[in-house]
Protein backbone atom coordinates (compact mmCIF):
# COMPACT_ATOMS: atom_id res chain seq x y z
CA UNK A 1 42.59 -17.11 -33.27
CA UNK A 2 40.43 -19.43 -31.61
CA UNK A 3 40.57 -23.25 -31.35
CA UNK A 4 39.16 -25.82 -29.94
CA UNK A 5 40.57 -29.23 -27.88
CA UNK A 6 38.82 -32.47 -27.66
CA UNK A 7 38.74 -31.83 -23.66
CA UNK A 8 36.13 -28.90 -23.84
CA UNK A 9 33.50 -29.89 -26.29
CA UNK A 10 30.85 -27.95 -24.73
CA UNK A 11 32.86 -24.98 -24.80
CA UNK A 12 33.51 -24.80 -28.54
CA UNK A 13 29.48 -25.72 -28.70
CA UNK A 14 29.15 -22.24 -27.56
CA UNK A 15 31.48 -20.41 -29.30
CA UNK A 16 30.62 -22.02 -32.54
CA UNK A 17 26.87 -21.18 -31.84
CA UNK A 18 27.86 -18.04 -30.91
CA UNK A 19 29.97 -17.03 -34.44
CA UNK A 20 27.20 -18.46 -36.50
CA UNK A 21 24.71 -16.06 -34.90
CA UNK A 22 27.01 -13.28 -35.47
CA UNK A 23 27.19 -14.19 -39.09
CA UNK A 24 23.41 -13.64 -39.28
CA UNK A 25 23.53 -10.15 -37.98
CA UNK A 26 22.90 -7.67 -40.82
CA UNK A 27 25.12 -4.88 -40.76
CA UNK A 28 25.17 -0.98 -40.55
CA UNK A 29 21.87 -1.00 -38.61
CA UNK A 30 21.15 1.11 -35.93
CA UNK A 31 20.98 -0.84 -31.95
CA UNK A 32 17.64 -0.61 -30.25
CA UNK A 33 17.83 1.33 -26.94
CA UNK A 34 17.78 -0.68 -23.94
CA UNK A 35 16.17 0.29 -21.03
CA UNK A 36 18.35 2.52 -18.88
CA UNK A 37 19.02 2.05 -15.02
CA UNK A 38 19.51 5.19 -12.34
CA UNK A 39 23.11 5.28 -13.12
CA UNK A 40 22.22 6.34 -16.69
CA UNK A 41 24.84 4.06 -18.41
CA UNK A 42 24.96 4.13 -21.97
CA UNK A 43 25.20 1.28 -24.19
CA UNK A 44 27.91 2.57 -25.65
CA UNK A 45 29.74 2.54 -22.44
CA UNK A 46 28.64 -0.84 -21.81
CA UNK A 47 30.23 -1.52 -25.08
CA UNK A 48 33.55 -0.08 -23.96
CA UNK A 49 33.46 -1.95 -21.35
CA UNK A 50 32.90 -5.29 -22.71
CA UNK A 51 34.99 -4.93 -26.42
CA UNK A 52 38.35 -3.74 -26.91
CA UNK A 53 38.64 0.23 -28.07
CA UNK A 54 40.35 -0.48 -31.73
CA UNK A 55 37.62 -3.20 -32.17
CA UNK A 56 34.15 -1.98 -34.10
CA UNK A 57 32.43 -5.12 -35.12
CA UNK A 58 29.92 -4.15 -32.81
CA UNK A 59 28.66 -1.30 -34.20
CA UNK A 60 29.09 -3.06 -37.62
CA UNK A 61 27.29 -6.24 -37.01
CA UNK A 62 24.45 -5.95 -34.67
CA UNK A 63 21.22 -4.62 -35.45
CA UNK A 64 17.74 -4.21 -33.82
CA UNK A 65 16.20 -7.57 -35.37
CA UNK A 66 19.75 -9.75 -34.19
CA UNK A 67 19.84 -8.22 -30.93
CA UNK A 68 16.87 -10.58 -29.32
CA UNK A 69 18.40 -13.59 -31.39
CA UNK A 70 21.66 -13.31 -29.82
CA UNK A 71 20.93 -12.67 -26.12
CA UNK A 72 18.56 -15.66 -26.36
CA UNK A 73 21.42 -18.20 -27.57
CA UNK A 74 23.44 -16.50 -24.87
CA UNK A 75 20.67 -17.11 -22.38
CA UNK A 76 19.79 -20.48 -23.17
CA UNK A 77 23.57 -21.52 -22.94
CA UNK A 78 24.04 -20.12 -19.61
CA UNK A 79 21.10 -21.73 -17.98
CA UNK A 80 22.21 -24.88 -19.78
CA UNK A 81 26.06 -24.46 -17.94
CA UNK A 82 24.07 -23.58 -14.79
CA UNK A 83 22.06 -26.98 -14.75
CA UNK A 84 25.23 -29.21 -15.38
CA UNK A 85 26.89 -27.63 -12.94
CA UNK A 86 24.22 -28.60 -10.87
CA UNK A 87 24.50 -32.50 -11.82
CA UNK A 88 27.39 -33.76 -9.40
CA UNK A 89 28.43 -37.39 -9.61
CA UNK A 90 30.14 -37.92 -6.30
CA UNK A 91 31.99 -41.19 -6.12
CA UNK A 92 31.58 -43.24 -3.06
CA UNK A 93 34.09 -42.29 -0.15
CA UNK A 94 36.28 -44.61 2.00
CA UNK A 95 33.45 -43.93 4.66
CA UNK A 96 30.78 -44.83 2.50
CA UNK A 97 32.41 -48.09 1.77
CA UNK A 98 32.37 -49.19 5.13
CA UNK A 99 28.97 -49.90 4.95
CA UNK A 100 28.72 -52.18 2.18
CA UNK A 101 26.94 -54.86 3.29
CA UNK A 102 27.57 -58.44 2.41
CA UNK A 103 26.75 -62.02 3.38
CA UNK A 104 27.76 -62.49 7.22
CA UNK A 105 30.16 -65.29 8.26
CA UNK A 106 28.78 -68.09 10.15
CA UNK A 107 29.99 -68.27 13.77
CA UNK A 108 29.39 -70.80 16.21
CA UNK A 109 26.89 -70.78 18.98
CA UNK A 110 29.17 -71.22 22.13
CA UNK A 111 30.09 -68.46 24.04
CA UNK A 112 31.74 -67.10 27.04
CA UNK A 113 29.85 -66.53 30.38
CA UNK A 114 29.64 -62.57 31.00
CA UNK A 115 27.61 -60.22 33.37
CA UNK A 116 25.99 -58.50 30.55
CA UNK A 117 23.39 -58.66 28.33
CA UNK A 118 25.22 -58.64 25.35
CA UNK A 119 24.61 -61.82 22.72
CA UNK A 120 26.81 -61.53 19.68
CA UNK A 121 26.24 -65.25 18.97
CA UNK A 122 23.11 -64.56 16.27
CA UNK A 123 23.86 -64.21 12.64
CA UNK A 124 21.47 -62.80 9.87
CA UNK A 125 21.72 -65.87 7.61
CA UNK A 126 23.23 -64.03 4.85
CA UNK A 127 20.54 -61.30 4.19
CA UNK A 128 21.58 -57.34 3.84
CA UNK A 129 20.01 -55.74 6.87
CA UNK A 130 19.75 -51.66 7.43
CA UNK A 131 23.18 -49.90 8.97
CA UNK A 132 22.55 -47.69 11.54
CA UNK A 133 23.66 -44.21 10.34
CA UNK A 134 26.65 -44.18 12.58
CA UNK A 135 28.77 -47.39 12.97
CA UNK A 136 29.81 -46.30 16.65
CA UNK A 137 26.15 -46.20 17.98
CA UNK A 138 25.95 -50.06 16.53
CA UNK A 139 29.01 -50.67 18.10
CA UNK A 140 28.16 -48.87 21.82
CA UNK A 141 25.20 -51.27 21.84
CA UNK A 142 25.93 -54.56 19.72
CA UNK A 143 22.30 -55.20 20.10
CA UNK A 144 22.40 -55.58 16.18
CA UNK A 145 24.13 -58.37 14.26
CA UNK A 146 27.13 -57.40 12.73
CA UNK A 147 27.87 -58.21 9.04
CA UNK A 148 30.95 -58.77 6.91
CA UNK A 149 31.51 -55.98 4.59
CA UNK A 150 33.37 -55.99 0.89
CA UNK A 151 36.83 -55.27 1.26
CA UNK A 152 37.96 -51.81 1.59
CA UNK A 153 40.88 -50.94 -1.14
CA UNK A 154 42.74 -47.45 0.05
CA UNK A 155 44.89 -45.59 -1.87
CA UNK A 156 48.80 -45.51 -0.81
CA UNK A 157 48.72 -42.07 0.30
CA UNK A 158 44.91 -41.79 1.27
CA UNK A 159 45.69 -40.96 5.06
CA UNK A 160 47.38 -37.98 4.09
CA UNK A 161 44.09 -36.70 1.82
CA UNK A 162 42.20 -36.43 5.54
CA UNK A 163 42.47 -33.86 8.04
CA UNK A 164 41.85 -34.59 11.51
CA UNK A 165 40.77 -30.86 12.07
CA UNK A 166 38.22 -31.63 9.35
CA UNK A 167 36.45 -34.24 11.44
CA UNK A 168 33.47 -33.17 13.28
CA UNK A 169 33.61 -33.68 17.57
CA UNK A 170 37.13 -34.56 17.21
CA UNK A 171 39.24 -33.44 20.40
CA UNK A 172 42.78 -32.15 18.80
CA UNK A 173 43.76 -31.18 21.93
CA UNK A 174 45.07 -34.69 23.10
CA UNK A 175 46.22 -38.12 21.79
CA UNK A 176 43.41 -40.24 22.72
CA UNK A 177 41.00 -37.61 20.77
CA UNK A 178 39.90 -40.53 18.61
CA UNK A 179 38.22 -43.01 20.99
CA UNK A 180 34.92 -41.36 21.17
CA UNK A 181 31.78 -42.62 19.62
CA UNK A 182 31.43 -39.65 17.72
CA UNK A 183 34.98 -40.37 15.88
CA UNK A 184 35.91 -43.63 16.40
CA UNK A 185 33.66 -44.84 13.02
CA UNK A 186 35.10 -42.04 11.06
CA UNK A 187 39.10 -42.84 11.87
CA UNK A 188 37.82 -46.87 11.24
CA UNK A 189 37.13 -45.70 7.57
CA UNK A 190 39.80 -42.98 7.31
CA UNK A 191 42.56 -45.79 8.20
CA UNK A 192 41.52 -49.02 7.07
CA UNK A 193 39.43 -50.78 9.65
CA UNK A 194 36.01 -52.67 9.08
CA UNK A 195 32.95 -53.91 10.84
CA UNK A 196 34.89 -57.25 11.49
CA UNK A 197 38.40 -55.64 12.63
CA UNK A 198 35.76 -53.92 15.17
CA UNK A 199 33.90 -56.86 15.87
CA UNK A 200 37.16 -58.83 16.87
CA UNK A 201 37.65 -56.12 19.15
CA UNK A 202 34.35 -55.99 20.82
CA UNK A 203 34.67 -60.09 21.34
CA UNK A 204 37.74 -59.61 22.81
CA UNK A 205 36.85 -57.30 25.30
CA UNK A 206 33.83 -59.81 26.20
CA UNK A 207 36.62 -62.53 26.68
CA UNK A 208 38.28 -59.79 28.74
CA UNK A 209 35.64 -58.75 31.13
CA UNK A 210 34.44 -62.61 31.68
CA UNK A 211 37.91 -63.28 33.40
CA UNK A 212 38.04 -60.33 35.88
CA UNK A 213 38.31 -61.33 39.16
CA UNK A 214 36.03 -60.21 41.96
CA UNK A 215 39.04 -57.90 43.66
CA UNK A 216 38.77 -56.16 39.89
CA UNK A 217 42.16 -57.53 39.20
CA UNK A 218 42.98 -59.84 35.97
CA UNK A 219 45.81 -62.45 36.14
CA UNK A 220 47.78 -64.06 33.22
CA UNK A 221 46.72 -67.35 34.80
CA UNK A 222 43.47 -66.41 33.67
CA UNK A 223 41.58 -69.97 34.27
CA UNK A 224 38.44 -69.70 36.21
CA UNK A 225 37.43 -72.27 38.78
CA UNK A 226 33.73 -72.40 37.14
CA UNK A 227 35.69 -73.18 33.95
CA UNK A 228 34.73 -76.83 32.96
CA UNK A 229 37.86 -77.20 30.80
CA UNK A 230 41.43 -76.64 31.03
CA UNK A 231 43.28 -74.07 29.12
CA UNK A 232 46.93 -75.09 28.42
CA UNK A 233 47.77 -71.55 27.57
CA UNK A 234 47.22 -69.63 30.45
CA UNK A 235 50.13 -68.11 31.53
CA UNK A 236 52.64 -69.16 34.11
CA UNK A 237 53.17 -65.81 35.46
CA UNK A 238 50.54 -65.66 38.30
CA UNK A 239 52.32 -63.01 40.42
CA UNK A 240 52.12 -60.13 38.26
CA UNK A 241 48.20 -59.04 38.81
CA UNK A 242 49.03 -55.33 38.29
CA UNK A 243 50.59 -56.09 34.87
CA UNK A 244 48.14 -58.28 33.95
CA UNK A 245 45.31 -55.82 35.14
CA UNK A 246 47.02 -52.94 33.02
CA UNK A 247 46.97 -54.43 29.88
CA UNK A 248 43.34 -55.55 30.05
CA UNK A 249 42.67 -52.02 31.23
CA UNK A 250 44.72 -50.13 28.25
CA UNK A 251 42.77 -52.53 26.04
CA UNK A 252 39.19 -51.45 27.57
CA UNK A 253 40.42 -47.19 27.61
CA UNK A 254 41.35 -47.73 23.92
CA UNK A 255 38.19 -48.80 22.68
CA UNK A 256 37.24 -45.37 24.63
CA UNK A 257 35.58 -47.51 27.49
CA UNK A 258 36.22 -45.57 30.95
CA UNK A 259 34.84 -45.88 34.33
CA UNK A 260 32.61 -43.09 33.59
CA UNK A 261 31.13 -44.44 30.54
CA UNK A 262 30.60 -47.45 28.36
CA UNK A 263 29.38 -50.99 28.52
CA UNK A 264 32.27 -52.00 30.61
CA UNK A 265 32.43 -48.86 33.15
CA UNK A 266 31.84 -51.02 36.10
CA UNK A 267 34.69 -53.35 35.08
CA UNK A 268 37.30 -50.39 34.18
CA UNK A 269 36.33 -48.34 37.87
CA UNK A 270 36.84 -52.48 39.48
CA UNK A 271 40.39 -52.51 37.71
CA UNK A 272 41.67 -48.88 38.60
CA UNK A 273 40.63 -49.15 42.06
CA UNK A 274 42.58 -52.35 42.11
CA UNK A 275 45.83 -50.35 40.77
CA UNK A 276 45.04 -47.43 42.92
CA UNK A 277 44.31 -49.50 46.07
CA UNK A 278 47.96 -51.27 45.50
CA UNK A 279 50.04 -48.21 44.56
CA UNK A 280 52.53 -47.93 47.60
CA UNK A 281 53.70 -44.26 48.59
CA UNK A 282 57.41 -44.29 48.18
CA UNK A 283 59.81 -41.15 48.35
CA UNK A 284 60.81 -41.68 45.03
CA UNK A 285 56.36 -41.29 44.28
CA UNK A 286 53.88 -44.22 43.67
CA UNK A 287 55.32 -47.35 43.09
CA UNK A 288 53.04 -50.00 41.30
CA UNK A 289 55.37 -52.69 40.77
CA UNK A 290 53.44 -55.06 42.98
CA UNK A 291 53.97 -55.81 47.05
CA UNK A 292 52.87 -58.17 49.10
CA UNK A 293 53.06 -59.68 52.42
CA UNK A 294 53.29 -58.31 55.83
CA UNK A 295 56.22 -56.33 55.43
CA UNK A 296 54.83 -55.02 51.90
CA UNK A 297 57.92 -56.21 49.95
CA UNK A 298 58.60 -56.28 46.39
CA UNK A 299 57.84 -59.86 45.33
CA UNK A 300 60.92 -61.57 44.95
CA UNK A 301 62.03 -62.98 41.50
CA UNK A 302 61.43 -62.60 38.22
CA UNK A 303 61.99 -59.46 35.77
CA UNK A 304 58.40 -58.13 35.41
CA UNK A 305 57.88 -55.49 38.30
CA UNK A 306 59.12 -52.64 36.35
CA UNK A 307 56.98 -53.58 33.52
CA UNK A 308 54.08 -53.63 35.69
CA UNK A 309 55.04 -50.44 36.73
CA UNK A 310 54.97 -49.21 33.58
CA UNK A 311 51.85 -50.87 32.48
CA UNK A 312 50.05 -49.70 35.47
CA UNK A 313 51.29 -45.91 35.03
CA UNK A 314 49.89 -46.12 31.02
CA UNK A 315 46.44 -47.21 32.26
CA UNK A 316 45.76 -44.80 34.98
CA UNK A 317 47.26 -42.13 33.09
CA UNK A 318 45.08 -42.84 29.90
CA UNK A 319 42.09 -43.00 32.27
CA UNK A 320 42.57 -39.38 33.56
CA UNK A 321 43.23 -38.02 30.24
CA UNK A 322 40.13 -39.14 29.21
CA UNK A 323 37.80 -38.86 32.46
CA UNK A 324 39.88 -35.84 34.33
CA UNK A 325 38.92 -38.10 37.11
CA UNK A 326 40.00 -36.59 40.39
CA UNK A 327 40.67 -39.55 42.26
CA UNK A 328 43.14 -40.94 39.46
CA UNK A 329 45.27 -37.73 39.55
CA UNK A 330 47.31 -38.37 42.93
CA UNK A 331 48.66 -41.65 41.70
CA UNK A 332 49.36 -40.87 38.23
CA UNK A 333 51.61 -38.13 38.81
CA UNK A 334 53.07 -39.82 42.08
CA UNK A 335 53.86 -42.95 39.33
CA UNK A 336 54.92 -40.31 36.61
CA UNK A 337 57.44 -39.20 39.37
CA UNK A 338 59.13 -42.70 39.91
CA UNK A 339 59.70 -43.49 36.40
CA UNK A 340 62.03 -40.43 36.68
CA UNK A 341 63.51 -41.04 39.93
CA UNK A 342 64.42 -44.66 39.12
CA UNK A 343 66.00 -44.07 35.35
CA UNK A 344 69.42 -45.15 34.96
CA UNK A 345 71.92 -41.96 35.46
CA UNK A 346 74.20 -42.44 32.92
CA UNK A 347 72.32 -43.81 30.24
CA UNK A 348 68.88 -42.83 30.66
CA UNK A 349 67.07 -46.21 30.40
CA UNK A 350 65.32 -48.74 32.63
CA UNK A 351 65.54 -52.23 33.34
CA UNK A 352 64.43 -54.69 35.81
CA UNK A 353 65.84 -52.56 38.98
CA UNK A 354 65.60 -48.97 39.67
CA UNK A 355 68.96 -47.21 38.25
CA UNK A 356 69.93 -50.51 36.34
CA UNK A 357 71.53 -50.01 32.79
CA UNK A 358 68.50 -49.72 30.69
CA UNK A 359 67.16 -52.47 27.97
CA UNK A 360 64.82 -51.33 25.37
CA UNK A 361 62.17 -53.05 26.39
CA UNK A 362 61.44 -51.94 29.95
CA UNK A 363 62.48 -48.61 28.63
CA UNK A 364 59.89 -48.76 25.60
CA UNK A 365 56.99 -49.03 27.95
CA UNK A 366 58.66 -46.62 30.16
CA UNK A 367 58.77 -43.89 27.79
CA UNK A 368 54.92 -44.95 26.46
CA UNK A 369 54.37 -44.39 30.32
CA UNK A 370 55.89 -40.47 30.29
CA UNK A 371 54.03 -39.85 26.80
CA UNK A 372 50.70 -40.65 28.63
CA UNK A 373 51.67 -38.50 31.15
CA UNK A 374 52.52 -35.87 29.01
CA UNK A 375 49.26 -36.27 27.33
CA UNK A 376 47.29 -36.03 30.61
CA UNK A 377 48.86 -32.94 31.40
CA UNK A 378 51.12 -34.38 34.03
CA UNK A 379 53.97 -32.76 35.57
CA UNK A 380 56.58 -34.68 33.30
CA UNK A 381 60.54 -33.95 34.12
CA UNK A 382 61.76 -32.93 30.65
CA UNK A 383 65.00 -34.48 31.74
CA UNK A 384 63.49 -37.68 31.76
CA UNK A 385 62.84 -37.49 27.68
CA UNK A 386 66.25 -35.89 27.08
CA UNK A 387 67.91 -38.88 28.71
CA UNK A 388 65.82 -41.33 27.13
CA UNK A 389 66.76 -40.02 23.63
CA UNK A 390 70.41 -40.74 24.63
CA UNK A 391 69.49 -44.16 25.90
CA UNK A 392 67.83 -44.49 22.00
CA UNK A 393 71.49 -43.45 20.57
CA UNK A 394 73.28 -45.75 22.94
CA UNK A 395 71.14 -48.84 21.13
CA UNK A 396 70.87 -47.27 17.65
CA UNK A 397 72.67 -48.72 14.30
CA UNK A 398 72.48 -47.92 10.83
CA UNK A 399 72.18 -44.41 11.37
CA UNK A 400 69.42 -44.75 13.56
CA UNK A 401 67.15 -46.59 11.65
CA UNK A 402 67.60 -49.66 13.74
CA UNK A 403 67.77 -50.55 17.28
CA UNK A 404 69.04 -53.33 19.50
CA UNK A 405 67.83 -54.77 23.15
CA UNK A 406 70.77 -53.49 24.74
CA UNK A 407 74.14 -51.58 23.71
CA UNK A 408 76.41 -53.45 21.73
CA UNK A 409 73.97 -56.38 20.43
CA UNK A 410 72.74 -56.48 17.08
CA UNK A 411 69.55 -54.94 15.96
CA UNK A 412 65.96 -56.80 15.97
CA UNK A 413 62.67 -56.33 14.26
CA UNK A 414 61.09 -55.89 17.39
CA UNK A 415 63.81 -54.00 19.15
CA UNK A 416 63.77 -51.41 16.24
CA UNK A 417 59.66 -51.15 16.00
CA UNK A 418 59.89 -49.71 20.13
CA UNK A 419 63.35 -47.81 18.97
CA UNK A 420 61.14 -45.71 15.99
CA UNK A 421 57.94 -45.29 17.93
CA UNK A 422 59.78 -43.60 20.92
CA UNK A 423 61.76 -41.42 18.26
CA UNK A 424 58.40 -40.30 16.89
CA UNK A 425 57.00 -39.35 20.49
CA UNK A 426 60.49 -37.98 21.43
CA UNK A 427 60.23 -35.67 18.69
CA UNK A 428 61.34 -36.57 15.15
CA UNK A 429 59.91 -35.50 12.34
CA UNK A 430 58.68 -37.55 9.31
CA UNK A 431 61.38 -36.48 6.96
CA UNK A 432 63.91 -37.42 8.89
CA UNK A 433 65.93 -40.07 6.84
CA UNK A 434 66.39 -42.41 9.87
CA UNK A 435 63.07 -43.01 10.38
CA UNK A 436 61.88 -43.38 6.95
CA UNK A 437 64.61 -46.08 6.33
CA UNK A 438 63.62 -47.49 9.78
CA UNK A 439 59.60 -47.35 8.31
CA UNK A 440 61.37 -49.15 4.97
CA UNK A 441 63.08 -51.88 7.14
CA UNK A 442 59.81 -52.73 8.50
CA UNK A 443 57.21 -52.68 5.58
CA UNK A 444 60.30 -54.90 3.91
CA UNK A 445 59.83 -57.19 6.88
CA UNK A 446 56.06 -57.44 7.32
CA UNK A 447 53.93 -58.21 10.58
CA UNK A 448 55.30 -61.52 11.85
CA UNK A 449 53.04 -64.99 12.01
CA UNK A 450 54.10 -65.11 15.70
CA UNK A 451 55.25 -62.40 17.29
CA UNK A 452 52.67 -60.30 18.76
CA UNK A 453 55.36 -58.16 20.85
CA UNK A 454 56.70 -57.28 17.40
CA UNK A 455 53.41 -56.42 15.81
CA UNK A 456 51.90 -54.26 18.35
CA UNK A 457 55.01 -51.58 18.04
CA UNK A 458 55.27 -51.83 14.44
CA UNK A 459 51.38 -51.17 13.62
CA UNK A 460 51.65 -48.08 15.73
CA UNK A 461 54.92 -46.89 13.51
CA UNK A 462 53.20 -47.64 10.11
CA UNK A 463 49.95 -46.13 11.45
CA UNK A 464 51.87 -42.85 12.10
CA UNK A 465 54.01 -42.96 9.17
CA UNK A 466 51.01 -43.25 7.01
CA UNK A 467 51.80 -43.28 3.42
CA UNK A 468 52.47 -46.09 0.95
CA UNK A 469 53.51 -48.29 3.31
CA UNK A 470 50.49 -48.24 5.61
CA UNK A 471 47.96 -49.70 3.73
CA UNK A 472 49.78 -52.89 2.73
CA UNK A 473 50.91 -53.42 6.44
CA UNK A 474 47.20 -52.77 7.45
CA UNK A 475 45.77 -55.21 5.10
CA UNK A 476 47.78 -58.20 6.31
CA UNK A 477 48.14 -57.21 9.95
CA UNK A 478 43.84 -56.80 10.19
CA UNK A 479 42.80 -59.63 8.21
CA UNK A 480 45.34 -62.02 9.95
CA UNK A 481 44.18 -61.11 13.08
CA UNK A 482 40.55 -61.50 12.27
CA UNK A 483 40.87 -64.59 10.89
CA UNK A 484 42.95 -66.04 14.01
CA UNK A 485 40.65 -65.26 16.90
CA UNK A 486 38.56 -67.86 18.20
CA UNK A 487 34.86 -67.99 17.17
CA UNK A 488 33.82 -71.21 19.01
CA UNK A 489 34.34 -72.55 22.11
CA UNK A 490 34.70 -71.80 25.81
CA UNK A 491 37.43 -69.22 24.60
CA UNK A 492 35.50 -67.55 21.76
CA UNK A 493 37.20 -63.95 21.42
CA UNK A 494 40.45 -64.77 22.54
CA UNK A 495 43.77 -65.74 20.42
CA UNK A 496 45.74 -68.54 20.89
CA UNK A 497 49.47 -67.98 22.23
CA UNK A 498 52.01 -67.74 19.43
CA UNK A 499 54.38 -65.15 20.51
CA UNK A 500 57.77 -65.66 22.11
CA UNK A 501 56.55 -64.37 25.62
CA UNK A 502 53.59 -66.21 25.68
CA UNK A 503 54.66 -69.07 27.97
CA UNK A 504 54.48 -66.32 30.77
CA UNK A 505 51.85 -63.97 29.73
CA UNK A 506 49.87 -67.01 28.22
CA UNK A 507 46.27 -65.99 26.12
CA UNK A 508 45.29 -63.02 27.92
CA UNK A 509 48.84 -61.43 27.36
CA UNK A 510 48.22 -62.26 23.26
CA UNK A 511 44.45 -61.14 23.45
CA UNK A 512 45.32 -57.72 24.94
CA UNK A 513 47.99 -57.23 22.69
CA UNK A 514 45.85 -58.66 19.54
CA UNK A 515 42.85 -56.09 20.54
CA UNK A 516 45.25 -53.07 21.12
CA UNK A 517 46.75 -53.78 17.41
CA UNK A 518 42.95 -53.66 16.27
CA UNK A 519 42.45 -50.81 17.70
CA UNK A 520 45.06 -48.70 16.03
CA UNK A 521 42.68 -47.07 13.92
CA UNK A 522 41.75 -44.50 16.92
CA UNK A 523 43.69 -45.63 20.04
CA UNK A 524 46.04 -43.35 19.24
CA UNK A 525 45.36 -39.89 16.75
CA UNK A 526 47.92 -40.06 14.03
CA UNK A 527 50.87 -38.32 15.64
CA UNK A 528 51.91 -36.04 12.45
CA UNK A 529 48.67 -35.26 11.51
CA UNK A 530 47.96 -34.40 15.10
CA UNK A 531 51.24 -32.38 15.53
CA UNK A 532 50.09 -30.59 12.12
CA UNK A 533 46.37 -29.56 13.31
CA UNK A 534 47.96 -28.32 16.78
CA UNK A 535 50.08 -25.97 15.08
CA UNK A 536 47.45 -24.28 12.77
């Protein structure tokens, strides 16, 4: 029985026309001979292959006069099907939606001082301009004004529809393979960034570049002598130039700016030189906690020296991984060795002094530093990773889905985000129930309006986790950062301090964390997609 469904009207039409043509064929007439080929295949042999042997309708119904009309009908229908198959209506993809241009947002005319020829103060007055083929090339030069785009609406599982290995020119052999100009714009489109978020990154980098000291360093007390105003949000931590310099460098490196390539190559070169020059050779390796005075002693007071070492290790290892600059390898390896040698022997964590029982804040930066060394193909002691897992076990609660600052304390969202990110890098699978419950907890908590430290870590967790939780998180986090960035005045491109740690780190600390959070789309490749691609 042949029957038709509404979903196949074209097929039904073909069958109907075919049967009608059959009904008009006169029976019992001889079949006109067909041209023979070299193989000498007969019509009867062709018929036996196309028609079941028990059926004799071919002989009864096909005649010489009807065969031409039959094959003409079949030919016309086949041609029609071929023509329809060539008509492809392709919906706009996420990458194309990225370039939907609308009117630009008016910005102030004032700008910070900087030793480059970049000018972002001019806007287009609301007219649509042509967008270059590559967003990356537009961003690398920044000579054309950047425009507001229509909102990107991402399906719940959009990240899972893409495969990193399918992107052209992407290097999946390293965690930093998304930072190149060839892939950055693609990843922006894939994971929910837009031109406004990337413009905020570039404005933030410009602000940072303008506040670099002549010796190549940055300071949390970022005020410059030539400033005609006093910024009351400068950090009070004046003796931690290694920490401030490292955070600034991480912001530039996250955007693909290195000492060998980019608009800010000189700034990155000078900053790395400052770190290398202040690395002290010690029996444990290279110490980057910061030393001064005639005896080259550790700066007394405060809890920041171990933070500074972890941040400096990340910056140097990332720069080495991205450029293979041999000048950095020795210090990078020595900094990794220092981390290994100073961990707590009992629980495996780190704190303010070498071998001290750990807290999750310092330990989180140290674990990320070890991961950066691993990505850079440096020698990393496997025991350091194993002991890091033991430390996380001591600070976990809710079966591993939440984490506290030190063992025995109550869990917090900020320390939970640190603990979950460390678990991801230490090998937890994305199907791990504790990880899934932790991601759900962060998703329910949502981005914080004032705790940028929590936002920085949690955004990375949500990005790596992907799935239905990421689009919702990204929409809130991205837009709040874009809207809160200063667009006028001497501090244009920076962020006002809202973080509870802002009194010491100040505007520079807040700006670095904000910039790196907006770089999340390409700063680190999504961890679980990366592992899948590497295993193929």
